Amino acid sequence: MSDKGLFVRGSTGLVREAGFVDAVSVNVANMSVGAALGTVGFTLASLPSVSGVNLVAASIIAFTLSIPQIITYTTLTKHIPRTGGDYVWVSRLLGPRFTWLVVGLVVGFIIESLAYYALIAIAGVGQLGTMLSTLGINISFTPLEVIGIGILYFAIVVFVNIMGTKYGIRLMTVLTIASIVTLFLALAVLYVVPKSVVISRVSSLLPSGVTYSKVASQYTGPYFALGPTIMMLPFFAIYIYPWLQAAPAIASEIKSRRAINWNLPTSAVLSMIMVTLGFAAMYYSMGFRFSTMAMANGYVNFWSAAMVASGNVVLAWIIGIGSVLWYLAVLAYGAIVIVRYLFALSFDRILPEFFSYVSPRLRSPVYAHLFDLVITAALIASAEALYSTFSSLYGAVVEALIYFALVGVAAAVAAILNKVKLSRGVRVTLAVASILMVGVMGYISYQFLEYPSIWGGNPLAYGVEIGAVLVGIAIYFIARHINLRRGLDISLVFMEIPPE
């Protein structure tokens, strides 16, 4: 390490491997549409009442509320395309005075993301079991098996990334595209097969003695009520709409300016279309009342409904495999993106230098990937062993929402004080969008905290995040002390945009 340079070295050493399709794919994987369609029943079951909850309307409302964030992230990605994305924006726009807070929240965000990957790995094992049972292969997994399979899922994608960044990106893109194709295949089944046939075939998934009419009759209330529908906003915050940081985090590895400019709007709209059509397809093919109660009781989800509705073994297998691939795609994006945050912190001399080490042969940040695997594996084991449910880590999302709110604050400061060279029109748009973004993140955070029994407010989730933020703050002051002894004030780092 050179003690004279602000950064660990003069360039990141990472190579531009990602095209437009890769950039869109990493965002779509980040937004976890397939996982949301498969697991929404767990949330419906936790609500005090599902009366008036309309998932199509909730999706549209949640997307509308995400538009300020889409504008904010797109604008900043265009003007500051660096490894680490929003971490670089916030730390530079707020400046050295607030670096301790930024680092604390970023470390908390990293751990929250790893907790989310643990959640997805556990849910992916559950979807595997659902797929097999729907196909007539009855199997149940013990907690130890869930832990083992979940860790195996993540280990596979991590080791592919270790073998080379381009392989990790290609794996993520292939998994995401395959997942999207199977989702549209499932949509086609639910929209094309006659409703009476779908209902007849889906009825085979119901327990003995339970009928379609009996399930449908359990629902009472309107097709839509604003209050209950808005109660579902945290669900979309857990899975889909705020998760726009993936491509910005690898922006310095994206090949073209077109890909940098358009990947976020494209992926956000595509994800909105897929998840909204998914819920609409269930309402259309099976009826609103039955779909709501069947999901809330755990009888059926989007994927199992499409599999049996197809009436074709080959199609059922394809859709079933695609449903599991969605979870693997999320893990594949995670193995790429969160390592970029570790890399950026190391590049700024906050974390040890080995986190930003790039293997000359593999062109991959090997040690950062291994750290990612170890921490995520521990969280998978903790969530399953202590709570035996993937929703036990839902509450950790609050920290991410607070972090996103801080991004909004930094963007507002940049626009109002003209810290980034922008035209007057762009400055005004960014200022308005970022302020609205802060308000949205604040409101959804309130929903999480107001209803902890629904949204995973437990000692594991909150403890992990509070501890991570405190550790992050401590890491900053320790790093500053160590570097001062070497003659370098790292606060100066946060007055400069890092090299590509």
Foldseek 3Di string as FASTA:
>chain_A
DDLPDQFPDAALLFAQQAELLLLLLLQLLQLLLLLLLVQVLLLLLLDPHCFFAAQLVLLVVLLVLLVLVLLQQLVQCLFFQDAQFLLLLLLQLVALVCNLLSLLLLLLVLLLLLLLLLLLLLSLVVLLQVLCVLLVNHDDDDLVRSLVSSLVLLVVLLVLQLLAVNSLSVLLSVLSVLLVVLLVVLLCLLVPQALVLLQVQLQVLDDPPDHLVNLLVVHDHDNHDVPSNNLCSLSSLSRHRVRQCLSSNCRVNYDDSVSSNPSSVVSSVVSSVSNSSLSVSCCVRSNSSSSSRCSNVVSDGSQSSSLRSNVDSVSNVSSSVSSSSSSSSSSSSSLVRSLSNQLVCVRLQLDPVLSSDADPVRRHSNVSSVVSSVSSSVSSSCCCVVPVHSLLQQLLSLSVLVSLLSSLVSQLSCLVVVVGPDDVVSSVSSNVSSVSSNVVSVVSSCSCVVCCSSRNPDCVNVVSSVVSSVVSSVSRVVSQVVSVVSVDRSSVVSNDSRHD
